[in-house]
Amino acid sequence: MSRFEESPRKACSPVQEYAERAMSVRGVGQESRITGEDSPFCVVLGAQWGDEGKGKLVDILAQDVQLCARFNGGANAGHTLYVDGKKYAFHLLPCGMINRSCKNLIGNGVVVHIPTLMRELDDLKELDPRAIERVFISTRAHILFDSHQIIDGILEAEQGTNSIGTTKRGIGPCYSAKAIRNGLRFGDLLHFETFERRLRELIAWSQKRFGDPRERDTEAQTVLRKALREYNTRHAFDPEGGKKGGVGSIEEEIERYRQFAQLLRTQIVDSVTLIHEDISRGYKVLVEGANAALLDIDFGTYPFVTSSNTTVGGVCTGLGVPPQKIDTVIGVVKAYTTRVGHGPFPTELQNENQTLEDYVEEYIGPAVELKRHGHSSGPYKVEKGQKVKVGEHLQEAGHEYGTTTGRRRRCGWLDLALVKYSALVNGFSSLNITKLDVLTGLKTIRIAIAYRNKQMTEVRLPIGYFPSHLEDLKEVVCEYETLEGWSEDISQCTSWEQLPRAAKKYVLRIQELTGIPVSWVGVGPERESMLKVNIPFRTDSMPGSAF
């Protein structure tokens, strides 16, 4: 029997299992557990390729928790929050920093570039002059050095057209150092004589393996190798002026970390003890994921992935908590699909350079004029009745530029086949649909509801199946369902009830097709733009039944 054929035995599909579980969980009085509001241990994870807008929900939930924690990744992640009209961009700090009464924990699974961390804390001084006292860092978390960033740039340039498209923030090399056991951890800062010796050894090791020039080096690699040999990281980050940070020598680097050790000494803690003591006290814990499911080192579109486990299993290994402590897992799903950098993308409409043919649809919404980042064509303008390229429209109307990289994101239709796979891996209790307002004005909207194989288009691939190999993923074609769009501006809506019928229908169709309750819907950048969805969840519900 083919692995794609259905077994003759009678069994529940993954979606049916989710639906039954959701019905049992979303009973009377249980909505606040699904939304995470009354959950003793809630995890918020990206369900796609990142940039879903996880930070906004985390910010809302963090207003009523005692501990907010990060468990994976490094400064390659980025959360942008708008609070009282002010913009905050976090790359390392948990979003709970916005709540002055919330403790924040950077777990052992995170790799931390301390200069970046200190800059983020400095940016928070206006909000909270004593912000540093509310962030705690695991003694087991690894330190990411400037040398890791230089090596990242060298390796990425070496790949040429086969490059993975990393952020060049040193994440991969730091996790590599962790794996080969020559990395340094925050606990080492508490024993500075040992730290200094091991840092010199690490830099010497890095210089020996990556510092010497190679015959086929690009210009960028030549600059980076020279910077590594001399350990002049200012020139690595800003060859012309050296104004973007860094140090001029190993001695300067050691002195910088001596100061960091003094500043952070009281904030470096045994994180396993801290989090379990807080759980024992009955504190509410909120955990935010960096990156997202399809960037997971094991379950993502390898090798176009990040260097850590971004899925729910990473919560346990990145914080030191057992699975049974996790009460609620919310999957954040953008109302369409985006990704940054290289790698397969089944529903892609437009790429980073806006060179794809794109899908054309009539625009029926209010007139729009938006500034474009570095675009020779000037501002993006669209009026009612105009034909628009949907992928380009999503990029510009959705402000799809990376918080960390500044790169334009690739955009496409919502891929629910991908979301179903993500749900199988993570066990989502509910979904948070974000950026629904970006779809405003499209006369029709498509959703990819299943995958088929190019060679056998009459056969759907199993629910939740996602190809593990890129060559198999290239053979995937999407089965689409088309829904009616809406013309009304929904960015000012403050409740689910205020949304137009077509917008509600789009959200409910996601719920029906995934078998997972939708608990939140985002319709704008502000905290008030996240709408709670209090609607019945039924397995026999049909489009239009819950208005």
Protein backbone atom coordinates (compact mmCIF):
# COMPACT_ATOMS: atom_id res chain seq x y z
CA MET A 1 0.00 0.00 0.00
CA SER A 2 1.28 3.45 -0.90
CA ARG A 3 2.10 5.71 2.04
CA PHE A 4 -0.42 8.19 0.60
CA GLU A 5 -3.32 5.72 0.40
CA GLU A 6 -5.93 5.67 3.12
CA SER A 7 -5.98 2.73 5.50
CA PRO A 8 -9.18 0.66 5.42
CA ARG A 9 -9.47 0.86 9.22
CA LYS A 10 -11.83 3.48 10.61
CA ALA A 11 -9.99 6.26 12.42
CA CYS A 12 -10.32 9.92 13.24
CA SER A 13 -8.43 12.35 11.07
CA PRO A 14 -6.05 14.78 12.81
CA VAL A 15 -8.55 17.58 12.15
CA GLN A 16 -11.38 15.55 13.74
CA GLU A 17 -9.18 14.88 16.76
CA TYR A 18 -8.46 18.61 17.08
CA ALA A 19 -12.14 19.43 16.73
CA GLU A 20 -13.14 16.96 19.45
CA ARG A 21 -10.43 18.27 21.77
CA ALA A 22 -11.41 21.87 21.05
CA MET A 23 -15.06 21.12 21.83
CA SER A 24 -14.08 19.62 25.17
CA VAL A 25 -11.81 22.57 26.02
CA ARG A 26 -14.00 25.42 24.81
CA GLY A 27 -16.87 24.73 27.12
CA VAL A 28 -18.78 27.11 29.31
CA GLY A 29 -16.36 29.29 31.25
CA GLN A 30 -13.33 27.90 29.42
CA GLU A 31 -12.89 30.65 26.81
CA SER A 32 -10.29 32.43 28.93
CA ARG A 33 -8.10 29.31 28.92
CA ILE A 34 -8.28 29.09 25.12
CA THR A 35 -7.40 32.78 24.80
CA GLY A 36 -4.55 32.37 27.29
CA GLU A 37 -5.97 34.97 29.69
CA ASP A 38 -6.47 32.59 32.63
CA SER A 39 -3.89 30.01 31.64
CA PRO A 40 -1.29 29.25 34.34
CA PHE A 41 1.30 28.42 31.66
CA CYS A 42 0.59 29.77 28.18
CA VAL A 43 2.87 29.41 25.15
CA VAL A 44 2.56 31.63 22.06
CA LEU A 45 4.20 30.24 18.91
CA GLY A 46 4.46 31.24 15.28
CA ALA A 47 2.65 28.75 13.05
CA GLN A 48 4.18 29.69 9.69
CA TRP A 49 7.60 31.09 8.69
CA GLY A 50 7.79 33.84 11.29
CA ASP A 51 6.77 37.51 11.26
CA GLU A 52 3.19 36.54 12.15
CA GLY A 53 2.86 39.29 14.74
CA LYS A 54 3.31 37.14 17.86
CA GLY A 55 4.54 40.09 19.90
CA LYS A 56 1.19 41.85 19.99
CA LEU A 57 -0.67 38.95 21.59
CA VAL A 58 2.23 38.33 23.97
CA ASP A 59 2.12 42.02 24.92
CA ILE A 60 -1.61 41.78 25.69
CA LEU A 61 -1.28 38.59 27.73
CA ALA A 62 1.84 39.89 29.50
CA GLN A 63 -0.23 42.61 31.17
CA ASP A 64 -1.61 40.00 33.56
CA VAL A 65 1.26 37.55 34.12
CA GLN A 66 4.09 37.49 36.61
CA LEU A 67 6.74 35.90 34.36
CA CYS A 68 7.36 36.22 30.62
CA ALA A 69 10.05 34.00 29.08
CA ARG A 70 11.98 33.40 25.85
CA PHE A 71 13.21 29.86 25.18
CA ASN A 72 14.96 29.85 21.80
CA GLY A 73 16.76 31.80 19.10
CA GLY A 74 18.62 35.06 19.42
CA ALA A 75 18.62 38.53 17.88
CA ASN A 76 17.52 37.04 14.54
CA ALA A 77 13.98 37.36 15.86
CA GLY A 78 12.09 40.62 16.03
CA HIS A 79 8.89 41.78 17.71
CA THR A 80 7.48 45.22 16.95
CA LEU A 81 5.02 46.60 19.47
CA TYR A 82 3.01 49.82 19.42
CA VAL A 83 2.01 50.94 22.91
CA ASP A 84 0.37 54.33 23.46
CA GLY A 85 1.54 55.37 20.00
CA LYS A 86 5.19 54.56 20.71
CA LYS A 87 7.05 51.89 18.75
CA TYR A 88 9.19 49.29 20.51
CA ALA A 89 11.31 46.78 18.60
CA PHE A 90 12.57 43.81 20.62
CA HIS A 91 15.09 41.30 19.30
CA LEU A 92 16.20 39.62 22.52
CA LEU A 93 14.08 40.95 25.35
CA PRO A 94 10.75 39.24 26.12
CA CYS A 95 7.68 41.38 25.43
CA GLY A 96 6.80 41.34 29.13
CA MET A 97 9.31 44.18 29.54
CA ILE A 98 6.49 46.56 28.63
CA ASN A 99 4.68 45.54 31.85
CA ARG A 100 6.55 47.15 34.75
CA SER A 101 5.29 44.52 37.20
CA CYS A 102 6.37 41.51 35.11
CA LYS A 103 9.60 39.54 35.49
CA ASN A 104 11.27 38.48 32.27
CA LEU A 105 13.43 35.42 31.70
CA ILE A 106 15.88 34.66 28.88
CA GLY A 107 16.12 30.89 29.03
CA ASN A 108 18.99 28.49 28.50
CA GLY A 109 17.91 27.80 24.91
CA VAL A 110 18.54 31.41 23.81
CA VAL A 111 21.85 32.68 22.39
CA VAL A 112 22.49 36.26 23.54
CA HIS A 113 24.57 39.01 21.96
CA ILE A 114 25.04 41.14 25.07
CA PRO A 115 25.74 44.47 23.28
CA THR A 116 22.38 44.09 21.51
CA LEU A 117 20.67 43.25 24.80
CA MET A 118 22.15 46.33 26.48
CA ARG A 119 21.01 48.59 23.63
CA GLU A 120 17.46 47.28 23.98
CA LEU A 121 17.53 47.90 27.72
CA ASP A 122 18.84 51.40 27.10
CA ASP A 123 15.91 52.08 24.74
CA LEU A 124 13.53 51.18 27.57
CA LYS A 125 14.92 53.71 30.06
CA GLU A 126 12.23 56.26 29.27
CA LEU A 127 9.52 53.67 29.94
CA ASP A 128 11.25 52.15 32.97
CA PRO A 129 14.61 53.46 34.23
CA ARG A 130 15.05 50.24 36.24
CA ALA A 131 14.13 47.85 33.42
CA ILE A 132 17.36 45.89 33.82
CA GLU A 133 16.19 44.73 37.26
CA ARG A 134 13.26 42.89 35.67
CA VAL A 135 15.20 40.76 33.20
CA PHE A 136 16.89 37.55 34.31
CA ILE A 137 19.25 35.46 32.19
CA SER A 138 19.93 31.76 32.58
CA THR A 139 23.44 30.78 33.67
CA ARG A 140 23.15 28.11 30.95
CA ALA A 141 22.33 30.52 28.08
CA HIS A 142 25.15 30.81 25.57
CA ILE A 143 26.86 34.12 24.79
CA LEU A 144 26.99 35.18 21.14
CA PHE A 145 30.17 37.13 20.34
CA ASP A 146 31.08 39.46 17.50
CA SER A 147 33.28 36.67 16.14
CA HIS A 148 30.18 34.50 15.64
CA GLN A 149 28.62 37.28 13.54
CA ILE A 150 31.76 37.62 11.42
CA ILE A 151 31.88 33.85 10.83
CA ASP A 152 28.19 33.90 9.90
CA GLY A 153 28.89 36.52 7.22
CA ILE A 154 31.87 34.57 5.87
CA LEU A 155 29.91 31.31 5.62
CA GLU A 156 26.86 32.94 4.06
CA ALA A 157 28.95 34.64 1.36
CA GLU A 158 30.71 31.32 0.70
CA GLN A 159 27.40 29.70 -0.26
CA GLY A 160 26.86 32.07 -3.19
CA THR A 161 23.61 31.26 -5.00
CA ASN A 162 23.01 28.40 -2.56
CA SER A 163 22.99 30.69 0.48
CA ILE A 164 20.36 30.03 3.14
CA GLY A 165 19.58 33.72 3.57
CA THR A 166 20.51 34.10 7.24
CA THR A 167 20.30 37.39 9.10
CA LYS A 168 24.11 37.22 9.64
CA ARG A 169 23.53 37.81 13.35
CA GLY A 170 25.81 34.91 14.33
CA ILE A 171 23.02 32.60 15.47
CA GLY A 172 24.17 29.49 13.57
CA PRO A 173 27.86 29.76 14.54
CA CYS A 174 26.91 30.32 18.20
CA TYR A 175 24.69 27.22 18.27
CA SER A 176 27.51 25.37 16.47
CA ALA A 177 29.91 26.40 19.24
CA LYS A 178 27.36 25.11 21.74
CA ALA A 179 27.22 21.76 19.92
CA ILE A 180 30.99 21.32 19.66
CA ARG A 181 31.32 22.52 23.26
CA ASN A 182 33.70 25.43 22.90
CA GLY A 183 31.03 28.07 23.58
CA LEU A 184 30.81 30.30 26.66
CA ARG A 185 27.74 30.66 28.84
CA PHE A 186 26.47 33.42 31.09
CA GLY A 187 27.57 31.41 34.10
CA ASP A 188 31.14 31.87 32.89
CA LEU A 189 30.82 35.64 33.41
CA LEU A 190 30.52 34.95 37.13
CA HIS A 191 33.99 33.40 37.04
CA PHE A 192 35.78 36.03 35.01
CA GLU A 193 39.33 34.68 35.10
CA THR A 194 38.11 31.45 33.52
CA PHE A 195 35.92 33.46 31.14
CA GLU A 196 38.86 35.54 29.92
CA ARG A 197 41.03 32.49 29.26
CA ARG A 198 38.27 30.64 27.41
CA LEU A 199 37.32 33.71 25.36
CA ARG A 200 40.91 34.09 24.17
CA GLU A 201 40.91 30.39 23.25
CA LEU A 202 37.62 30.74 21.36
CA ILE A 203 38.82 33.76 19.38
CA ALA A 204 42.12 32.01 18.55
CA TRP A 205 40.17 28.94 17.40
CA SER A 206 37.93 31.14 15.22
CA GLN A 207 40.91 32.99 13.71
CA LYS A 208 42.72 29.74 12.90
CA ARG A 209 39.74 28.26 11.05
CA PHE A 210 38.20 31.31 9.41
CA GLY A 211 40.76 34.13 9.48
CA ASP A 212 43.15 33.20 6.67
CA PRO A 213 42.31 34.53 3.18
CA ARG A 214 41.16 32.03 0.56
CA GLU A 215 41.78 32.11 -3.18
CA ARG A 216 38.11 32.38 -4.13
CA ASP A 217 37.07 34.87 -1.45
CA THR A 218 34.61 37.58 -2.36
CA GLU A 219 35.37 41.16 -1.43
CA ALA A 220 33.04 40.88 1.54
CA GLN A 221 34.77 37.73 2.76
CA THR A 222 38.19 39.39 2.46
CA VAL A 223 37.03 42.27 4.67
CA LEU A 224 35.48 39.92 7.22
CA ARG A 225 38.49 37.60 7.43
CA LYS A 226 40.81 40.57 7.96
CA ALA A 227 38.52 41.90 10.69
CA LEU A 228 38.57 38.48 12.37
CA ARG A 229 42.37 38.15 12.16
CA GLU A 230 42.83 41.58 13.72
CA TYR A 231 39.71 41.20 15.85
CA ASN A 232 38.62 44.65 14.73
CA THR A 233 34.90 44.02 14.66
CA ARG A 234 34.10 47.69 14.03
CA HIS A 235 35.39 47.25 10.50
CA ALA A 236 33.44 44.03 10.08
CA PHE A 237 30.11 45.72 10.82
CA ASP A 238 30.84 49.07 9.22
CA PRO A 239 33.97 48.94 7.00
CA GLU A 240 33.90 52.64 6.12
CA GLY A 241 33.31 54.37 9.44
CA GLY A 242 33.24 51.78 12.18
CA LYS A 243 30.30 53.53 13.82
CA LYS A 244 27.93 50.57 14.15
CA GLY A 245 29.45 49.08 17.27
CA GLY A 246 32.09 46.45 17.76
CA VAL A 247 35.58 46.64 19.26
CA GLY A 248 39.08 47.33 17.94
CA SER A 249 41.00 44.51 19.64
CA ILE A 250 40.75 41.40 21.80
CA GLU A 251 41.81 43.43 24.84
CA GLU A 252 38.98 45.88 24.24
CA GLU A 253 36.56 42.96 23.91
CA ILE A 254 37.67 41.48 27.23
CA GLU A 255 37.31 44.82 28.98
CA ARG A 256 33.84 45.28 27.49
CA TYR A 257 32.73 41.91 28.87
CA ARG A 258 34.28 42.66 32.25
CA GLN A 259 31.89 45.62 32.45
CA PHE A 260 28.96 43.49 31.25
CA ALA A 261 29.74 40.94 33.98
CA GLN A 262 29.53 43.65 36.64
CA LEU A 263 26.31 45.13 35.25
CA LEU A 264 24.52 41.79 34.87
CA ARG A 265 25.90 39.88 37.86
CA THR A 266 22.66 40.05 39.88
CA GLN A 267 20.53 39.23 36.82
CA ILE A 268 22.32 35.98 35.91
CA VAL A 269 20.38 33.20 37.64
CA ASP A 270 19.69 29.49 37.72
CA SER A 271 16.67 29.69 35.44
CA VAL A 272 15.35 26.20 36.21
CA THR A 273 15.05 27.07 39.88
CA LEU A 274 13.55 30.49 39.12
CA ILE A 275 10.79 29.27 36.80
CA HIS A 276 9.82 26.29 38.97
CA GLU A 277 9.67 28.43 42.10
CA ASP A 278 7.39 30.86 40.28
CA ILE A 279 5.17 28.00 39.07
CA SER A 280 4.98 26.67 42.66
CA ARG A 281 3.90 30.11 43.89
CA GLY A 282 1.00 30.04 41.44
CA TYR A 283 2.47 32.73 39.22
CA LYS A 284 1.12 32.89 35.68
CA VAL A 285 3.82 32.15 33.12
CA LEU A 286 3.80 33.33 29.52
CA VAL A 287 6.30 31.91 27.02
CA GLU A 288 6.96 33.51 23.65
CA GLY A 289 8.58 31.73 20.74
CA ALA A 290 11.09 33.27 18.36
CA ASN A 291 10.86 32.50 14.62
CA ALA A 292 8.17 29.90 13.82
CA ALA A 293 7.30 26.27 13.13
CA LEU A 294 8.50 26.07 9.51
CA LEU A 295 11.88 27.48 10.58
CA ASP A 296 12.41 24.75 13.18
CA ILE A 297 15.79 23.03 12.78
CA ASP A 298 14.04 19.60 12.74
CA PHE A 299 10.52 20.23 11.46
CA GLY A 300 11.07 23.22 9.17
CA THR A 301 11.97 23.49 5.48
CA TYR A 302 15.54 22.31 6.05
CA PRO A 303 18.14 23.65 5.29
CA PHE A 304 16.25 26.95 4.96
CA VAL A 305 15.62 27.06 8.68
CA THR A 306 16.98 28.66 11.84
CA SER A 307 19.41 26.93 14.20
CA SER A 308 17.09 26.12 17.12
CA ASN A 309 13.88 24.27 17.90
CA THR A 310 11.08 26.80 17.46
CA THR A 311 8.23 24.38 18.17
CA VAL A 312 6.62 23.43 21.46
CA GLY A 313 9.25 20.82 22.34
CA GLY A 314 11.80 23.64 22.48
CA VAL A 315 9.87 25.17 25.38
CA CYS A 316 10.75 22.16 27.54
CA THR A 317 14.42 22.00 26.55
CA GLY A 318 14.90 25.77 26.35
CA LEU A 319 13.47 26.51 29.80
CA GLY A 320 13.80 23.26 31.72
CA VAL A 321 10.10 22.56 32.27
CA PRO A 322 8.28 19.24 31.74
CA PRO A 323 5.49 18.96 29.10
CA GLN A 324 2.70 18.57 31.67
CA LYS A 325 3.32 22.11 32.95
CA ILE A 326 2.20 23.56 29.59
CA ASP A 327 -1.49 24.44 29.81
CA THR A 328 -2.29 26.41 26.62
CA VAL A 329 -0.52 26.66 23.26
CA ILE A 330 -1.68 29.44 20.93
CA GLY A 331 -0.60 29.32 17.29
CA VAL A 332 -0.23 32.73 15.63
CA VAL A 333 -1.25 32.66 11.97
CA LYS A 334 -1.00 35.64 9.63
CA ALA A 335 -4.12 36.01 7.44
CA TYR A 336 -1.84 35.38 4.46
CA THR A 337 1.64 33.84 4.25
CA THR A 338 5.07 35.49 4.28
CA ARG A 339 8.68 34.47 4.59
CA VAL A 340 12.07 36.20 4.48
CA GLY A 341 15.06 34.93 2.58
CA HIS A 342 15.40 31.82 0.48
CA GLY A 343 13.54 28.52 0.56
CA PRO A 344 10.40 26.91 -0.86
CA PHE A 345 7.07 28.72 -0.63
CA PRO A 346 4.07 26.85 -2.21
CA THR A 347 1.60 29.78 -2.20
CA GLU A 348 4.09 32.54 -3.10
CA LEU A 349 2.71 35.41 -5.19
CA GLN A 350 5.56 37.94 -5.04
CA ASN A 351 9.24 37.75 -4.10
CA GLU A 352 11.63 40.09 -2.31
CA ASN A 353 12.57 41.91 -5.53
CA GLN A 354 8.99 42.05 -6.86
CA THR A 355 9.92 40.25 -10.09
CA LEU A 356 7.27 37.48 -10.11
CA GLU A 357 4.27 37.60 -12.44
CA ASP A 358 1.85 37.81 -9.46
CA TYR A 359 -1.92 37.25 -9.23
CA VAL A 360 -4.17 40.12 -10.37
CA GLU A 361 -7.44 41.00 -8.61
CA GLU A 362 -9.86 43.93 -8.56
CA TYR A 363 -9.51 46.33 -5.61
CA ILE A 364 -12.85 47.32 -4.04
CA GLY A 365 -11.66 49.06 -0.86
CA PRO A 366 -10.91 52.66 0.12
CA ALA A 367 -8.12 54.54 -1.68
CA VAL A 368 -4.64 53.86 -0.29
CA GLU A 369 -1.35 55.76 -0.57
CA LEU A 370 1.69 54.41 1.26
CA LYS A 371 5.38 55.26 1.35
CA ARG A 372 7.63 52.53 -0.01
CA HIS A 373 11.00 51.61 1.45
CA GLY A 374 13.75 52.18 -1.12
CA HIS A 375 11.44 51.86 -4.12
CA SER A 376 12.19 53.75 -7.33
CA SER A 377 8.50 53.95 -8.27
CA GLY A 378 7.59 56.24 -5.40
CA PRO A 379 4.64 55.71 -3.03
CA TYR A 380 2.25 52.79 -3.43
CA LYS A 381 -1.16 54.03 -4.60
CA VAL A 382 -4.35 52.08 -5.25
CA GLU A 383 -7.93 53.21 -5.81
CA LYS A 384 -11.30 51.49 -5.92
CA GLY A 385 -11.89 49.62 -9.18
CA GLN A 386 -8.18 49.34 -9.96
CA LYS A 387 -6.55 46.02 -10.79
CA VAL A 388 -3.83 45.18 -8.25
CA LYS A 389 -1.05 42.63 -8.06
CA VAL A 390 -2.04 40.79 -4.91
CA GLY A 391 1.45 39.78 -3.75
CA GLU A 392 2.79 43.31 -4.17
CA HIS A 393 -0.32 44.71 -2.46
CA LEU A 394 0.22 42.43 0.53
CA GLN A 395 3.84 43.57 0.78
CA GLU A 396 3.02 47.27 0.73
CA ALA A 397 -0.34 47.35 2.54
CA GLY A 398 1.04 44.93 5.14
CA HIS A 399 4.32 46.84 5.57
CA GLU A 400 6.07 43.54 5.03
CA TYR A 401 9.62 44.55 5.82
CA GLY A 402 11.62 42.60 8.40
CA THR A 403 12.08 44.08 11.90
CA THR A 404 15.54 42.55 12.15
CA THR A 405 16.73 42.59 8.52
CA GLY A 406 14.77 45.40 6.83
CA ARG A 407 14.30 43.06 3.87
CA ARG A 408 11.02 42.97 1.93
CA ARG A 409 9.16 39.77 2.76
CA ARG A 410 7.94 37.34 0.15
CA CYS A 411 4.12 37.16 0.20
CA GLY A 412 1.45 34.67 -0.80
CA TRP A 413 -2.01 33.32 -0.03
CA LEU A 414 -2.79 31.72 3.32
CA ASP A 415 -1.53 28.11 3.28
CA LEU A 416 -3.72 26.00 5.56
CA ALA A 417 -2.02 22.76 4.54
CA LEU A 418 1.09 24.22 6.16
CA VAL A 419 -0.86 25.41 9.21
CA LYS A 420 -2.36 21.94 9.72
CA TYR A 421 1.14 20.45 9.74
CA SER A 422 2.27 23.07 12.22
CA ALA A 423 -0.73 22.24 14.41
CA LEU A 424 0.15 18.54 14.46
CA VAL A 425 3.66 19.32 15.68
CA ASN A 426 2.62 21.93 18.27
CA GLY A 427 -0.82 20.82 19.48
CA PHE A 428 -2.41 24.27 19.30
CA SER A 429 -5.23 24.96 21.76
CA SER A 430 -6.38 27.89 19.61
CA LEU A 431 -5.30 30.21 16.80
CA ASN A 432 -4.62 33.94 16.70
CA ILE A 433 -5.28 35.28 13.18
CA THR A 434 -3.27 38.48 12.56
CA LYS A 435 -3.23 41.27 9.97
CA LEU A 436 -6.72 40.51 8.68
CA ASP A 437 -7.03 44.20 7.77
CA VAL A 438 -4.33 43.84 5.09
CA LEU A 439 -6.76 41.75 2.99
CA THR A 440 -9.29 44.60 2.94
CA GLY A 441 -10.23 45.63 -0.60
CA LEU A 442 -9.45 42.40 -2.46
CA LYS A 443 -12.61 41.38 -4.31
CA THR A 444 -11.85 37.71 -3.82
CA ILE A 445 -9.39 35.96 -1.51
CA ARG A 446 -7.89 32.52 -1.99
CA ILE A 447 -6.92 29.96 0.66
CA ALA A 448 -4.75 26.93 -0.01
CA ILE A 449 -6.72 24.14 1.65
CA ALA A 450 -4.68 21.07 0.64
CA TYR A 451 -1.59 19.85 -1.19
CA ARG A 452 -1.56 17.63 -4.24
CA ASN A 453 1.32 16.09 -6.17
CA LYS A 454 2.05 17.47 -9.65
CA GLN A 455 2.17 13.93 -11.03
CA MET A 456 -1.12 12.85 -9.41
CA THR A 457 -3.25 15.95 -9.07
CA GLU A 458 -6.39 13.89 -8.53
CA VAL A 459 -5.03 12.70 -5.17
CA ARG A 460 -4.82 14.96 -2.11
CA LEU A 461 -1.83 14.47 0.12
CA PRO A 462 -2.76 13.40 3.70
CA ILE A 463 -4.00 16.07 6.11
CA GLY A 464 -1.08 17.44 8.07
CA TYR A 465 1.56 15.98 5.74
CA PHE A 466 4.37 18.34 4.80
CA PRO A 467 7.28 17.15 2.64
CA SER A 468 10.55 16.88 4.55
CA HIS A 469 12.73 17.15 1.43
CA LEU A 470 12.94 20.18 -0.83
CA GLU A 471 12.74 18.05 -3.99
CA ASP A 472 9.44 16.57 -2.77
CA LEU A 473 8.17 20.03 -1.83
CA LYS A 474 8.87 21.22 -5.38
CA GLU A 475 6.37 18.63 -6.60
CA VAL A 476 3.58 20.07 -4.45
CA VAL A 477 0.71 22.02 -6.00
CA CYS A 478 -1.94 23.77 -3.93
CA GLU A 479 -5.67 23.23 -4.02
CA TYR A 480 -7.37 26.58 -3.49
CA GLU A 481 -10.72 27.72 -2.23
CA THR A 482 -11.95 31.21 -3.17
CA LEU A 483 -13.86 33.38 -0.71
CA GLU A 484 -15.61 36.70 -1.06
CA GLY A 485 -13.59 39.73 0.03
CA TRP A 486 -14.78 42.88 1.79
CA SER A 487 -14.56 46.59 1.01
CA GLU A 488 -14.95 48.05 4.50
CA ASP A 489 -11.98 49.42 6.44
CA ILE A 490 -11.80 47.11 9.47
CA SER A 491 -8.74 48.68 11.11
CA GLN A 492 -10.92 50.70 13.49
CA CYS A 493 -13.07 47.75 14.63
CA THR A 494 -12.91 47.14 18.37
CA SER A 495 -14.95 43.93 18.62
CA TRP A 496 -15.60 40.77 16.64
CA GLU A 497 -19.21 41.81 16.13
CA GLN A 498 -18.15 44.94 14.22
CA LEU A 499 -16.38 43.00 11.48
CA PRO A 500 -18.17 42.77 8.11
CA ARG A 501 -19.80 39.45 7.26
CA ALA A 502 -17.20 38.47 4.66
CA ALA A 503 -14.33 39.08 7.08
CA LYS A 504 -16.03 36.91 9.71
CA LYS A 505 -16.64 34.23 7.12
CA TYR A 506 -12.94 34.19 6.22
CA VAL A 507 -11.94 33.69 9.88
CA LEU A 508 -14.58 31.04 10.49
CA ARG A 509 -13.54 29.15 7.38
CA ILE A 510 -10.02 28.93 8.80
CA GLN A 511 -11.49 27.55 12.01
CA GLU A 512 -13.59 25.01 10.14
CA LEU A 513 -10.80 23.80 7.87
CA THR A 514 -8.24 23.42 10.66
CA GLY A 515 -10.58 22.14 13.34
CA ILE A 516 -8.97 24.53 15.83
CA PRO A 517 -10.81 27.39 17.59
CA VAL A 518 -9.84 30.93 16.65
CA SER A 519 -9.42 32.90 19.87
CA TRP A 520 -8.04 36.25 18.65
CA VAL A 521 -8.14 38.29 15.43
CA GLY A 522 -5.79 41.21 14.71
CA VAL A 523 -7.01 44.10 12.55
CA GLY A 524 -4.29 46.73 13.07
CA PRO A 525 -0.98 47.56 14.77
CA GLU A 526 -2.29 48.84 18.11
CA ARG A 527 -2.90 46.74 21.22
CA GLU A 528 -6.60 47.63 20.97
CA SER A 529 -6.68 46.18 17.44
CA MET A 530 -6.51 42.60 18.74
CA LEU A 531 -10.10 41.36 18.97
CA LYS A 532 -11.19 38.50 21.19
CA VAL A 533 -13.32 35.95 19.35
CA ASN A 534 -16.11 34.56 21.52
CA ILE A 535 -17.99 32.32 19.12
CA PRO A 536 -19.22 28.73 19.49
CA PHE A 537 -16.94 26.08 18.04
CA ARG A 538 -18.80 23.21 16.39
CA THR A 539 -17.49 20.45 14.15
CA ASP A 540 -20.66 20.59 12.06
CA SER A 541 -20.50 24.39 11.58
CA MET A 542 -20.79 25.68 8.04
CA PRO A 543 -19.65 28.99 6.57
CA GLY A 544 -22.03 31.70 7.64
CA SER A 545 -23.47 29.84 10.63
CA ALA A 546 -21.87 31.88 13.41
CA PHE A 547 -22.68 35.45 12.51
